[in-house]
Amino acid sequence: MLKSGLAWAKAILERSHAGWLSQREEWRMVMTSYRVLCSLFIIYVAAVWIYPASAAESDKIIGPWGGSGDYPLSGDFDKDGHQDDLALFRPGTRSWEIDFDADGRLNVRSWTGPGQRGDSFVISDFDGDGFLNDVAVISSNKSWSYYTFDYNTQTRSFEGWSRWPQIRGHSIYPTPATITWGGSNDLPVAGDFDNDGHVDDLGVYRPSNRMWYFETNLDGVTDRTSGAWGASGDLPVAGDFDGDGQLGDLGLFRASDRNWYFDYSSNGNTDRKFGPWALRGDLPLAGDFDGQGLSNDICVFRPSTGQWFFKFFNIAWSPPGMHGGPEPGYVNA
């Protein structure tokens, strides 16, 4: 394409030198040629450098749903055993919207859920019932409070929110209603970081020192640290990226180079790098979006367009691309 543009410009100049064009026509054609060449150059740069083809395909897109300021989460709100549901907390209305199975259809809208503008959230199984449908709400003063999304699988209906310590079911620990833990700019995650088989642990990534802190007893005391691992501006996720059945792995989306970094043992070492995929401004998630039974897939929510992009990971991976799940209809994220 670029070569064709150059050839066209050369032909115009040859005609000009031959005296076929007036001075005004010559100037108009030269300016047109200049604009075409600039456009072709921009397309070339975008194709080769900004949106490289290698490992840049998404396996699924849904939306538009959501927008700027919304807080995206993934969990198992319908209790089907898969972390394939999406949630949005919308601070403007202090409401929650839930999409079961990440199919682009809104299943539940709750106007009375937990949280307010400025809060952060993580989803985990804090009550030990085996479902990732509990929400930890982290306020600006680093107070953590816990709620569960009550969904009746028999009637397939949402029954409201329960706040600890009145959560239905049972708790592994005698957990207080709230704890205070973490720093002002920490970015939270949740998973099974003590490898006890229960997805009930807290973690935070602290960009200021690139350290990770883990709280495995829900008592407000740091039990373990790792790092330094990460960089300023990185956004963390947690999942089962090595396919061992435990949600104790960490991931980072680095917008500056559009790459993803994975630490399989939450020990501060990079075990895998993937990308480039996704764009600056995207918000990352992890889950089981291909239905394979492992929370090793990644997703980004793009507030600027309200779209959600998914990448399915296969446990038997081989760089540079990842595959698995249903037949992909590849599109750039």
C-alpha atoms as a PDB file:
ATOM      1  CA  MET A   1       0.000   0.000   0.000  1.00  0.00           C
ATOM      2  CA  LEU A   2       2.786   2.417   0.920  1.00  0.00           C
ATOM      3  CA  LYS A   3       4.716   1.512  -2.247  1.00  0.00           C
ATOM      4  CA  SER A   4       1.609   2.169  -4.377  1.00  0.00           C
ATOM      5  CA  GLY A   5       1.257   5.622  -2.837  1.00  0.00           C
ATOM      6  CA  LEU A   6       4.874   6.455  -3.588  1.00  0.00           C
ATOM      7  CA  ALA A   7       4.514   5.279  -7.179  1.00  0.00           C
ATOM      8  CA  TRP A   8       1.430   7.460  -7.634  1.00  0.00           C
ATOM      9  CA  ALA A   9       3.274  10.520  -6.299  1.00  0.00           C
ATOM     10  CA  LYS A  10       6.201   9.811  -8.615  1.00  0.00           C
ATOM     11  CA  ALA A  11       3.860   9.646 -11.620  1.00  0.00           C
ATOM     12  CA  ILE A  12       2.368  13.038 -10.744  1.00  0.00           C
ATOM     13  CA  LEU A  13       5.804  14.636 -10.550  1.00  0.00           C
ATOM     14  CA  GLU A  14       6.809  13.121 -13.917  1.00  0.00           C
ATOM     15  CA  ARG A  15       3.679  14.562 -15.528  1.00  0.00           C
ATOM     16  CA  SER A  16       4.436  17.939 -13.989  1.00  0.00           C
ATOM     17  CA  HIS A  17       7.960  17.958 -15.371  1.00  0.00           C
ATOM     18  CA  ALA A  18       6.579  17.040 -18.809  1.00  0.00           C
ATOM     19  CA  GLY A  19       4.454  20.184 -18.792  1.00  0.00           C
ATOM     20  CA  TRP A  20       1.074  18.423 -18.718  1.00  0.00           C
ATOM     21  CA  LEU A  21      -0.138  20.336 -15.642  1.00  0.00           C
ATOM     22  CA  SER A  22      -0.614  24.051 -14.928  1.00  0.00           C
ATOM     23  CA  GLN A  23       1.065  25.538 -11.863  1.00  0.00           C
ATOM     24  CA  ARG A  24      -2.229  25.566  -9.906  1.00  0.00           C
ATOM     25  CA  GLU A  25      -3.041  21.981 -10.915  1.00  0.00           C
ATOM     26  CA  GLU A  26       0.500  20.953 -10.051  1.00  0.00           C
ATOM     27  CA  TRP A  27       0.204  22.432  -6.561  1.00  0.00           C
ATOM     28  CA  ARG A  28      -3.212  20.843  -5.994  1.00  0.00           C
ATOM     29  CA  MET A  29      -1.979  17.418  -7.057  1.00  0.00           C
ATOM     30  CA  VAL A  30       1.162  17.702  -4.935  1.00  0.00           C
ATOM     31  CA  MET A  31      -0.906  18.546  -1.839  1.00  0.00           C
ATOM     32  CA  THR A  32      -3.299  15.669  -2.546  1.00  0.00           C
ATOM     33  CA  SER A  33      -0.337  13.341  -2.898  1.00  0.00           C
ATOM     34  CA  TYR A  34       1.074  14.602   0.404  1.00  0.00           C
ATOM     35  CA  ARG A  35      -2.204  13.956   2.225  1.00  0.00           C
ATOM     36  CA  VAL A  36      -2.481  10.458   0.776  1.00  0.00           C
ATOM     37  CA  LEU A  37       1.072   9.620   1.777  1.00  0.00           C
ATOM     38  CA  CYS A  38       0.485  10.882   5.331  1.00  0.00           C
ATOM     39  CA  SER A  39      -2.664   8.772   5.625  1.00  0.00           C
ATOM     40  CA  LEU A  40      -0.872   5.690   4.329  1.00  0.00           C
ATOM     41  CA  PHE A  41       1.982   6.249   6.760  1.00  0.00           C
ATOM     42  CA  ILE A  42      -0.406   6.511   9.721  1.00  0.00           C
ATOM     43  CA  ILE A  43      -2.141   3.285   8.652  1.00  0.00           C
ATOM     44  CA  TYR A  44       1.233   1.560   8.288  1.00  0.00           C
ATOM     45  CA  VAL A  45       2.434   2.658  11.740  1.00  0.00           C
ATOM     46  CA  ALA A  46      -0.849   1.620  13.358  1.00  0.00           C
ATOM     47  CA  ALA A  47      -0.776  -1.800  11.692  1.00  0.00           C
ATOM     48  CA  VAL A  48       2.847  -2.596  12.423  1.00  0.00           C
ATOM     49  CA  TRP A  49       3.551  -0.914  15.738  1.00  0.00           C
ATOM     50  CA  ILE A  50       0.350  -0.002  17.548  1.00  0.00           C
ATOM     51  CA  TYR A  51      -1.787  -3.041  16.710  1.00  0.00           C
ATOM     52  CA  PRO A  52       0.669  -5.872  16.006  1.00  0.00           C
ATOM     53  CA  ALA A  53      -0.936  -9.070  14.761  1.00  0.00           C
ATOM     54  CA  SER A  54       1.108 -11.426  16.926  1.00  0.00           C
ATOM     55  CA  ALA A  55      -0.937 -12.662  19.904  1.00  0.00           C
ATOM     56  CA  ALA A  56      -3.324  -9.730  19.534  1.00  0.00           C
ATOM     57  CA  GLU A  57      -6.557 -11.596  18.754  1.00  0.00           C
ATOM     58  CA  SER A  58      -9.525 -11.753  21.093  1.00  0.00           C
ATOM     59  CA  ASP A  59     -11.674 -14.868  21.271  1.00  0.00           C
ATOM     60  CA  LYS A  60     -14.879 -13.076  22.198  1.00  0.00           C
ATOM     61  CA  ILE A  61     -16.375  -9.580  22.480  1.00  0.00           C
ATOM     62  CA  ILE A  62     -19.548  -8.441  24.209  1.00  0.00           C
ATOM     63  CA  GLY A  63     -21.058  -5.024  24.762  1.00  0.00           C
ATOM     64  CA  PRO A  64     -21.535  -2.194  24.848  1.00  0.00           C
ATOM     65  CA  TRP A  65     -22.331  -2.479  28.541  1.00  0.00           C
ATOM     66  CA  GLY A  66     -20.952  -0.058  31.110  1.00  0.00           C
ATOM     67  CA  GLY A  67     -18.916   3.084  30.837  1.00  0.00           C
ATOM     68  CA  SER A  68     -16.412   5.435  32.434  1.00  0.00           C
ATOM     69  CA  GLY A  69     -16.229   5.163  36.232  1.00  0.00           C
ATOM     70  CA  ASP A  70     -17.842   1.712  36.424  1.00  0.00           C
ATOM     71  CA  TYR A  71     -16.008  -0.992  38.405  1.00  0.00           C
ATOM     72  CA  PRO A  72     -15.835  -4.401  36.628  1.00  0.00           C
ATOM     73  CA  LEU A  73     -15.619  -7.745  38.478  1.00  0.00           C
ATOM     74  CA  SER A  74     -15.902 -11.453  37.727  1.00  0.00           C
ATOM     75  CA  GLY A  75     -17.338 -14.225  39.890  1.00  0.00           C
ATOM     76  CA  ASP A  76     -19.778 -17.119  40.125  1.00  0.00           C
ATOM     77  CA  PHE A  77     -22.969 -15.291  41.036  1.00  0.00           C
ATOM     78  CA  ASP A  78     -25.320 -17.914  39.574  1.00  0.00           C
ATOM     79  CA  LYS A  79     -23.564 -20.731  41.479  1.00  0.00           C
ATOM     80  CA  ASP A  80     -22.948 -22.929  38.441  1.00  0.00           C
ATOM     81  CA  GLY A  81     -19.370 -23.689  39.494  1.00  0.00           C
ATOM     82  CA  HIS A  82     -17.684 -21.465  36.896  1.00  0.00           C
ATOM     83  CA  GLN A  83     -16.116 -18.050  37.387  1.00  0.00           C
ATOM     84  CA  ASP A  84     -17.738 -16.865  34.191  1.00  0.00           C
ATOM     85  CA  ASP A  85     -20.128 -14.172  35.413  1.00  0.00           C
ATOM     86  CA  LEU A  86     -19.493 -10.446  35.089  1.00  0.00           C
ATOM     87  CA  ALA A  87     -20.522  -7.645  37.414  1.00  0.00           C
ATOM     88  CA  LEU A  88     -20.457  -3.873  37.235  1.00  0.00           C
ATOM     89  CA  PHE A  89     -20.667  -1.589  40.217  1.00  0.00           C
ATOM     90  CA  ARG A  90     -22.006   1.742  38.961  1.00  0.00           C
ATOM     91  CA  PRO A  91     -21.052   4.468  41.429  1.00  0.00           C
ATOM     92  CA  GLY A  92     -23.306   7.066  39.829  1.00  0.00           C
ATOM     93  CA  THR A  93     -26.386   5.141  40.965  1.00  0.00           C
ATOM     94  CA  ARG A  94     -24.688   2.916  43.587  1.00  0.00           C
ATOM     95  CA  SER A  95     -26.180  -0.045  41.757  1.00  0.00           C
ATOM     96  CA  TRP A  96     -24.923  -3.497  40.725  1.00  0.00           C
ATOM     97  CA  GLU A  97     -25.513  -5.141  37.365  1.00  0.00           C
ATOM     98  CA  ILE A  98     -24.793  -8.852  36.842  1.00  0.00           C
ATOM     99  CA  ASP A  99     -24.344 -10.768  33.591  1.00  0.00           C
ATOM    100  CA  PHE A 100     -24.464 -14.542  34.123  1.00  0.00           C
ATOM    101  CA  ASP A 101     -22.132 -16.459  31.767  1.00  0.00           C
ATOM    102  CA  ALA A 102     -20.641 -13.301  30.196  1.00  0.00           C
ATOM    103  CA  ASP A 103     -23.004 -13.505  27.243  1.00  0.00           C
ATOM    104  CA  GLY A 104     -23.833  -9.814  27.039  1.00  0.00           C
ATOM    105  CA  ARG A 105     -27.286 -10.152  28.620  1.00  0.00           C
ATOM    106  CA  LEU A 106     -28.142  -8.408  31.889  1.00  0.00           C
ATOM    107  CA  ASN A 107     -29.596 -10.892  34.396  1.00  0.00           C
ATOM    108  CA  VAL A 108     -29.758  -8.927  37.650  1.00  0.00           C
ATOM    109  CA  ARG A 109     -29.863  -5.242  38.524  1.00  0.00           C
ATOM    110  CA  SER A 110     -29.626  -4.400  42.219  1.00  0.00           C
ATOM    111  CA  TRP A 111     -30.238  -0.863  43.493  1.00  0.00           C
ATOM    112  CA  THR A 112     -29.486  -1.741  47.130  1.00  0.00           C
ATOM    113  CA  GLY A 113     -26.074  -3.380  46.938  1.00  0.00           C
ATOM    114  CA  PRO A 114     -22.943  -2.530  48.898  1.00  0.00           C
ATOM    115  CA  GLY A 115     -20.433   0.182  48.076  1.00  0.00           C
ATOM    116  CA  GLN A 116     -20.221   3.822  47.144  1.00  0.00           C
ATOM    117  CA  ARG A 117     -18.133   6.061  44.919  1.00  0.00           C
ATOM    118  CA  GLY A 118     -14.419   5.684  45.682  1.00  0.00           C
ATOM    119  CA  ASP A 119     -14.661   2.116  47.023  1.00  0.00           C
ATOM    120  CA  SER A 120     -12.728  -0.829  45.621  1.00  0.00           C
ATOM    121  CA  PHE A 121     -13.999  -4.415  45.420  1.00  0.00           C
ATOM    122  CA  VAL A 122     -12.856  -8.041  45.151  1.00  0.00           C
ATOM    123  CA  ILE A 123     -14.908 -11.206  44.671  1.00  0.00           C
ATOM    124  CA  SER A 124     -14.050 -14.435  46.476  1.00  0.00           C
ATOM    125  CA  ASP A 125     -15.470 -17.299  48.571  1.00  0.00           C
ATOM    126  CA  PHE A 126     -15.140 -15.775  52.022  1.00  0.00           C
ATOM    127  CA  ASP A 127     -17.964 -17.832  53.570  1.00  0.00           C
ATOM    128  CA  GLY A 128     -16.551 -21.162  52.406  1.00  0.00           C
ATOM    129  CA  ASP A 129     -19.641 -22.399  50.556  1.00  0.00           C
ATOM    130  CA  GLY A 130     -17.654 -23.156  47.394  1.00  0.00           C
ATOM    131  CA  PHE A 131     -18.944 -20.275  45.252  1.00  0.00           C
ATOM    132  CA  LEU A 132     -17.173 -17.067  44.249  1.00  0.00           C
ATOM    133  CA  ASN A 133     -20.124 -14.840  45.095  1.00  0.00           C
ATOM    134  CA  ASP A 134     -18.900 -12.912  48.144  1.00  0.00           C
ATOM    135  CA  VAL A 135     -17.878  -9.265  47.829  1.00  0.00           C
ATOM    136  CA  ALA A 136     -15.261  -7.491  49.912  1.00  0.00           C
ATOM    137  CA  VAL A 137     -15.812  -3.734  49.863  1.00  0.00           C
ATOM    138  CA  ILE A 138     -12.658  -1.702  50.524  1.00  0.00           C
ATOM    139  CA  SER A 139     -13.344   1.881  51.523  1.00  0.00           C
ATOM    140  CA  SER A 140     -10.943   4.803  51.199  1.00  0.00           C
ATOM    141  CA  ASN A 141      -9.853   4.380  54.833  1.00  0.00           C
ATOM    142  CA  LYS A 142      -8.907   0.730  54.078  1.00  0.00           C
ATOM    143  CA  SER A 143     -11.792  -0.738  56.007  1.00  0.00           C
ATOM    144  CA  TRP A 144     -12.815  -4.093  54.484  1.00  0.00           C
ATOM    145  CA  SER A 145     -16.428  -5.247  54.892  1.00  0.00           C
ATOM    146  CA  TYR A 146     -18.013  -8.388  53.483  1.00  0.00           C
ATOM    147  CA  TYR A 147     -21.268  -9.212  51.710  1.00  0.00           C
ATOM    148  CA  THR A 148     -22.660 -12.156  49.803  1.00  0.00           C
ATOM    149  CA  PHE A 149     -24.806 -12.157  46.676  1.00  0.00           C
ATOM    150  CA  ASP A 150     -27.798 -14.314  47.587  1.00  0.00           C
ATOM    151  CA  TYR A 151     -28.982 -16.253  44.547  1.00  0.00           C
ATOM    152  CA  ASN A 152     -31.564 -19.021  44.811  1.00  0.00           C
ATOM    153  CA  THR A 153     -30.606 -21.757  42.353  1.00  0.00           C
ATOM    154  CA  GLN A 154     -33.992 -23.470  42.742  1.00  0.00           C
ATOM    155  CA  THR A 155     -36.067 -20.451  41.769  1.00  0.00           C
ATOM    156  CA  ARG A 156     -33.260 -18.841  39.772  1.00  0.00           C
ATOM    157  CA  SER A 157     -33.874 -15.567  41.477  1.00  0.00           C
ATOM    158  CA  PHE A 158     -31.783 -12.942  43.264  1.00  0.00           C
ATOM    159  CA  GLU A 159     -32.797 -12.593  46.928  1.00  0.00           C
ATOM    160  CA  GLY A 160     -30.655  -9.656  48.008  1.00  0.00           C
ATOM    161  CA  TRP A 161     -27.376  -9.047  49.794  1.00  0.00           C
ATOM    162  CA  SER A 162     -26.300 -10.392  53.197  1.00  0.00           C
ATOM    163  CA  ARG A 163     -23.676  -8.599  55.251  1.00  0.00           C
ATOM    164  CA  TRP A 164     -21.304 -10.338  57.601  1.00  0.00           C
ATOM    165  CA  PRO A 165     -21.581 -11.726  60.183  1.00  0.00           C
ATOM    166  CA  GLN A 166     -25.128 -12.597  59.058  1.00  0.00           C
ATOM    167  CA  ILE A 167     -24.008 -14.374  55.875  1.00  0.00           C
ATOM    168  CA  ARG A 168     -25.990 -17.528  55.208  1.00  0.00           C
ATOM    169  CA  GLY A 169     -23.924 -20.679  55.213  1.00  0.00           C
ATOM    170  CA  HIS A 170     -20.781 -21.185  57.222  1.00  0.00           C
ATOM    171  CA  SER A 171     -17.483 -19.418  57.711  1.00  0.00           C
ATOM    172  CA  ILE A 172     -14.104 -21.096  57.934  1.00  0.00           C
ATOM    173  CA  TYR A 173     -12.870 -18.414  60.317  1.00  0.00           C
ATOM    174  CA  PRO A 174     -14.673 -16.437  63.020  1.00  0.00           C
ATOM    175  CA  THR A 175     -14.348 -13.389  60.770  1.00  0.00           C
ATOM    176  CA  PRO A 176     -15.240  -9.939  62.106  1.00  0.00           C
ATOM    177  CA  ALA A 177     -17.720  -7.806  60.202  1.00  0.00           C
ATOM    178  CA  THR A 178     -14.899  -5.450  59.132  1.00  0.00           C
ATOM    179  CA  ILE A 179     -11.113  -5.291  59.235  1.00  0.00           C
ATOM    180  CA  THR A 180      -8.661  -2.477  58.531  1.00  0.00           C
ATOM    181  CA  TRP A 181      -5.720  -3.455  56.368  1.00  0.00           C
ATOM    182  CA  GLY A 182      -3.573  -2.092  53.532  1.00  0.00           C
ATOM    183  CA  GLY A 183      -2.319   1.260  52.244  1.00  0.00           C
ATOM    184  CA  SER A 184      -3.994   4.172  50.545  1.00  0.00           C
ATOM    185  CA  ASN A 185      -2.944   3.352  46.976  1.00  0.00           C
ATOM    186  CA  ASP A 186      -2.959  -0.452  47.198  1.00  0.00           C
ATOM    187  CA  LEU A 187      -4.694  -2.420  44.446  1.00  0.00           C
ATOM    188  CA  PRO A 188      -6.641  -5.422  45.815  1.00  0.00           C
ATOM    189  CA  VAL A 189      -6.933  -9.037  44.661  1.00  0.00           C
ATOM    190  CA  ALA A 190      -8.407 -12.175  46.214  1.00  0.00           C
ATOM    191  CA  GLY A 191      -7.506 -15.849  45.855  1.00  0.00           C
ATOM    192  CA  ASP A 192      -6.075 -18.933  47.548  1.00  0.00           C
ATOM    193  CA  PHE A 193      -2.657 -17.574  48.468  1.00  0.00           C
ATOM    194  CA  ASP A 194      -1.946 -20.028  51.302  1.00  0.00           C
ATOM    195  CA  ASN A 195      -2.765 -23.087  49.154  1.00  0.00           C
ATOM    196  CA  ASP A 196      -5.271 -24.514  51.637  1.00  0.00           C
ATOM    197  CA  GLY A 197      -7.888 -25.160  48.956  1.00  0.00           C
ATOM    198  CA  HIS A 198     -10.114 -22.264  50.008  1.00  0.00           C
ATOM    199  CA  VAL A 199     -10.413 -19.127  47.893  1.00  0.00           C
ATOM    200  CA  ASP A 200     -10.717 -16.832  50.894  1.00  0.00           C
ATOM    201  CA  ASP A 201      -7.463 -14.863  51.067  1.00  0.00           C
ATOM    202  CA  LEU A 202      -6.775 -11.195  50.442  1.00  0.00           C
ATOM    203  CA  GLY A 203      -3.881  -9.614  48.616  1.00  0.00           C
ATOM    204  CA  VAL A 204      -2.803  -6.147  47.572  1.00  0.00           C
ATOM    205  CA  TYR A 205      -0.277  -4.862  45.085  1.00  0.00           C
ATOM    206  CA  ARG A 206       1.473  -1.698  46.274  1.00  0.00           C
ATOM    207  CA  PRO A 207       2.786   0.269  43.245  1.00  0.00           C
ATOM    208  CA  SER A 208       4.936   2.591  45.384  1.00  0.00           C
ATOM    209  CA  ASN A 209       7.376  -0.204  46.301  1.00  0.00           C
ATOM    210  CA  ARG A 210       6.244  -2.915  43.837  1.00  0.00           C
ATOM    211  CA  MET A 211       5.542  -5.272  46.750  1.00  0.00           C
ATOM    212  CA  TRP A 212       2.667  -7.706  47.299  1.00  0.00           C
ATOM    213  CA  TYR A 213       1.048  -8.254  50.701  1.00  0.00           C
ATOM    214  CA  PHE A 214      -1.154 -11.217  51.616  1.00  0.00           C
ATOM    215  CA  GLU A 215      -3.681 -11.613  54.410  1.00  0.00           C
ATOM    216  CA  THR A 216      -4.767 -15.248  54.747  1.00  0.00           C
ATOM    217  CA  ASN A 217      -6.753 -15.245  58.001  1.00  0.00           C
ATOM    218  CA  LEU A 218      -9.089 -12.272  57.425  1.00  0.00           C
ATOM    219  CA  ASP A 219      -7.937 -10.709  60.668  1.00  0.00           C
ATOM    220  CA  GLY A 220      -6.270  -7.541  59.375  1.00  0.00           C
ATOM    221  CA  VAL A 221      -2.706  -8.829  59.829  1.00  0.00           C
ATOM    222  CA  THR A 222      -0.238  -9.311  56.957  1.00  0.00           C
ATOM    223  CA  ASP A 223       0.810 -12.961  56.825  1.00  0.00           C
ATOM    224  CA  ARG A 224       3.205 -12.907  53.860  1.00  0.00           C
ATOM    225  CA  THR A 225       4.869 -10.585  51.339  1.00  0.00           C
ATOM    226  CA  SER A 226       6.501 -11.086  47.956  1.00  0.00           C
ATOM    227  CA  GLY A 227       8.277  -8.915  45.410  1.00  0.00           C
ATOM    228  CA  ALA A 228       9.434  -6.548  44.293  1.00  0.00           C
ATOM    229  CA  TRP A 229       7.443  -7.555  41.200  1.00  0.00           C
ATOM    230  CA  GLY A 230       5.626  -5.197  38.882  1.00  0.00           C
ATOM    231  CA  ALA A 231       5.926  -1.594  37.750  1.00  0.00           C
ATOM    232  CA  SER A 232       4.135   1.684  38.269  1.00  0.00           C
ATOM    233  CA  GLY A 233       0.840   1.689  36.409  1.00  0.00           C
ATOM    234  CA  ASP A 234       0.435  -2.100  36.377  1.00  0.00           C
ATOM    235  CA  LEU A 235      -3.032  -3.470  37.147  1.00  0.00           C
ATOM    236  CA  PRO A 236      -3.270  -6.792  39.046  1.00  0.00           C
ATOM    237  CA  VAL A 237      -5.483  -9.865  38.632  1.00  0.00           C
ATOM    238  CA  ALA A 238      -5.559 -13.255  40.358  1.00  0.00           C
ATOM    239  CA  GLY A 239      -6.508 -16.626  38.886  1.00  0.00           C
ATOM    240  CA  ASP A 240      -5.353 -20.149  38.025  1.00  0.00           C
ATOM    241  CA  PHE A 241      -3.021 -19.332  35.163  1.00  0.00           C
ATOM    242  CA  ASP A 242      -0.919 -22.505  35.427  1.00  0.00           C
ATOM    243  CA  GLY A 243      -3.961 -24.801  35.422  1.00  0.00           C
ATOM    244  CA  ASP A 244      -3.190 -26.565  38.714  1.00  0.00           C
ATOM    245  CA  GLY A 245      -6.710 -26.083  40.039  1.00  0.00           C
ATOM    246  CA  GLN A 246      -5.787 -23.463  42.644  1.00  0.00           C
ATOM    247  CA  LEU A 247      -6.597 -19.770  42.317  1.00  0.00           C
ATOM    248  CA  GLY A 248      -3.304 -18.657  43.811  1.00  0.00           C
ATOM    249  CA  ASP A 249      -1.575 -17.176  40.772  1.00  0.00           C
ATOM    250  CA  LEU A 250      -1.012 -13.484  40.087  1.00  0.00           C
ATOM    251  CA  GLY A 251      -1.131 -11.518  36.885  1.00  0.00           C
ATOM    252  CA  LEU A 252      -0.295  -7.967  35.830  1.00  0.00           C
ATOM    253  CA  PHE A 253      -1.509  -6.012  32.840  1.00  0.00           C
ATOM    254  CA  ARG A 254       1.089  -3.416  31.879  1.00  0.00           C
ATOM    255  CA  ALA A 255      -0.535  -0.729  29.764  1.00  0.00           C
ATOM    256  CA  SER A 256       2.811   0.849  28.806  1.00  0.00           C
ATOM    257  CA  ASP A 257       3.783  -2.147  26.659  1.00  0.00           C
ATOM    258  CA  ARG A 258       0.352  -3.877  26.490  1.00  0.00           C
ATOM    259  CA  ASN A 259       1.864  -7.077  27.865  1.00  0.00           C
ATOM    260  CA  TRP A 260       0.655  -9.441  30.584  1.00  0.00           C
ATOM    261  CA  TYR A 261       2.964 -10.933  33.212  1.00  0.00           C
ATOM    262  CA  PHE A 262       2.110 -14.003  35.296  1.00  0.00           C
ATOM    263  CA  ASP A 263       3.508 -15.279  38.586  1.00  0.00           C
ATOM    264  CA  TYR A 264       2.336 -18.856  39.171  1.00  0.00           C
ATOM    265  CA  SER A 265       3.384 -19.110  42.816  1.00  0.00           C
ATOM    266  CA  SER A 266       2.807 -15.536  44.030  1.00  0.00           C
ATOM    267  CA  ASN A 267       6.511 -15.463  44.901  1.00  0.00           C
ATOM    268  CA  GLY A 268       7.579 -12.383  42.956  1.00  0.00           C
ATOM    269  CA  ASN A 269       8.922 -14.116  39.835  1.00  0.00           C
ATOM    270  CA  THR A 270       7.624 -13.882  36.269  1.00  0.00           C
ATOM    271  CA  ASP A 271       6.749 -17.363  34.992  1.00  0.00           C
ATOM    272  CA  ARG A 272       5.133 -16.280  31.769  1.00  0.00           C
ATOM    273  CA  LYS A 273       4.709 -13.223  29.568  1.00  0.00           C
ATOM    274  CA  PHE A 274       1.935 -12.770  27.019  1.00  0.00           C
ATOM    275  CA  GLY A 275       1.074 -10.013  24.585  1.00  0.00           C
ATOM    276  CA  PRO A 276       0.701  -7.465  23.323  1.00  0.00           C
ATOM    277  CA  TRP A 277      -3.046  -7.615  23.931  1.00  0.00           C
ATOM    278  CA  ALA A 278      -5.503  -4.925  25.138  1.00  0.00           C
ATOM    279  CA  LEU A 279      -5.007  -1.167  25.307  1.00  0.00           C
ATOM    280  CA  ARG A 280      -4.129   1.573  27.760  1.00  0.00           C
ATOM    281  CA  GLY A 281      -7.219   2.419  29.785  1.00  0.00           C
ATOM    282  CA  ASP A 282      -8.576  -1.139  29.745  1.00  0.00           C
ATOM    283  CA  LEU A 283      -9.423  -2.731  33.110  1.00  0.00           C
ATOM    284  CA  PRO A 284      -8.317  -6.387  33.488  1.00  0.00           C
ATOM    285  CA  LEU A 285     -10.171  -9.394  34.903  1.00  0.00           C
ATOM    286  CA  ALA A 286      -9.586 -13.134  35.107  1.00  0.00           C
ATOM    287  CA  GLY A 287     -12.045 -16.030  35.081  1.00  0.00           C
ATOM    288  CA  ASP A 288     -13.265 -19.221  33.414  1.00  0.00           C
ATOM    289  CA  PHE A 289     -14.782 -17.609  30.348  1.00  0.00           C
ATOM    290  CA  ASP A 290     -14.344 -20.583  27.991  1.00  0.00           C
ATOM    291  CA  GLY A 291     -16.085 -23.101  30.273  1.00  0.00           C
ATOM    292  CA  GLN A 292     -13.088 -25.405  30.597  1.00  0.00           C
ATOM    293  CA  GLY A 293     -13.300 -25.404  34.395  1.00  0.00           C
ATOM    294  CA  LEU A 294     -10.159 -23.352  35.047  1.00  0.00           C
ATOM    295  CA  SER A 295     -10.025 -19.646  35.915  1.00  0.00           C
ATOM    296  CA  ASN A 296      -7.111 -19.100  33.553  1.00  0.00           C
ATOM    297  CA  ASP A 297      -8.709 -16.787  30.981  1.00  0.00           C
ATOM    298  CA  ILE A 298      -8.287 -13.033  30.866  1.00  0.00           C
ATOM    299  CA  CYS A 299     -10.699 -10.256  29.996  1.00  0.00           C
ATOM    300  CA  VAL A 300     -10.586  -6.490  29.752  1.00  0.00           C
ATOM    301  CA  PHE A 301     -13.389  -3.984  30.141  1.00  0.00           C
ATOM    302  CA  ARG A 302     -12.933  -0.926  27.947  1.00  0.00           C
ATOM    303  CA  PRO A 303     -14.770   2.011  29.578  1.00  0.00           C
ATOM    304  CA  SER A 304     -14.364   4.244  26.537  1.00  0.00           C
ATOM    305  CA  THR A 305     -16.575   1.958  24.412  1.00  0.00           C
ATOM    306  CA  GLY A 306     -18.329  -0.209  27.009  1.00  0.00           C
ATOM    307  CA  GLN A 307     -16.960  -3.330  25.334  1.00  0.00           C
ATOM    308  CA  TRP A 308     -15.544  -6.463  26.957  1.00  0.00           C
ATOM    309  CA  PHE A 309     -12.750  -8.419  25.259  1.00  0.00           C
ATOM    310  CA  PHE A 310     -11.825 -11.997  26.182  1.00  0.00           C
ATOM    311  CA  LYS A 311      -8.763 -14.150  25.648  1.00  0.00           C
ATOM    312  CA  PHE A 312      -9.115 -17.881  26.280  1.00  0.00           C
ATOM    313  CA  PHE A 313      -6.036 -19.656  27.599  1.00  0.00           C
ATOM    314  CA  ASN A 314      -5.401 -23.354  27.118  1.00  0.00           C
ATOM    315  CA  ILE A 315      -3.424 -25.123  29.831  1.00  0.00           C
ATOM    316  CA  ALA A 316      -1.313 -26.767  27.165  1.00  0.00           C
ATOM    317  CA  TRP A 317      -0.036 -23.445  25.906  1.00  0.00           C
ATOM    318  CA  SER A 318       2.580 -22.679  23.320  1.00  0.00           C
ATOM    319  CA  PRO A 319       3.739 -19.113  22.546  1.00  0.00           C
ATOM    320  CA  PRO A 320       3.181 -16.717  20.936  1.00  0.00           C
ATOM    321  CA  GLY A 321      -0.608 -17.185  20.788  1.00  0.00           C
ATOM    322  CA  MET A 322      -3.054 -18.861  23.122  1.00  0.00           C
ATOM    323  CA  HIS A 323      -6.046 -20.876  22.119  1.00  0.00           C
ATOM    324  CA  GLY A 324      -8.887 -22.922  23.511  1.00  0.00           C
ATOM    325  CA  GLY A 325     -12.595 -22.677  24.070  1.00  0.00           C
ATOM    326  CA  PRO A 326     -15.104 -22.203  21.242  1.00  0.00           C
ATOM    327  CA  GLU A 327     -14.132 -21.433  17.691  1.00  0.00           C
ATOM    328  CA  PRO A 328     -12.668 -17.905  17.845  1.00  0.00           C
ATOM    329  CA  GLY A 329     -13.740 -15.063  15.634  1.00  0.00           C
ATOM    330  CA  TYR A 330     -10.487 -13.188  15.995  1.00  0.00           C
ATOM    331  CA  VAL A 331     -10.660  -9.450  16.473  1.00  0.00           C
ATOM    332  CA  ASN A 332      -8.114  -7.033  17.781  1.00  0.00           C
ATOM    333  CA  ALA A 333      -8.573  -5.779  21.328  1.00  0.00           C
END
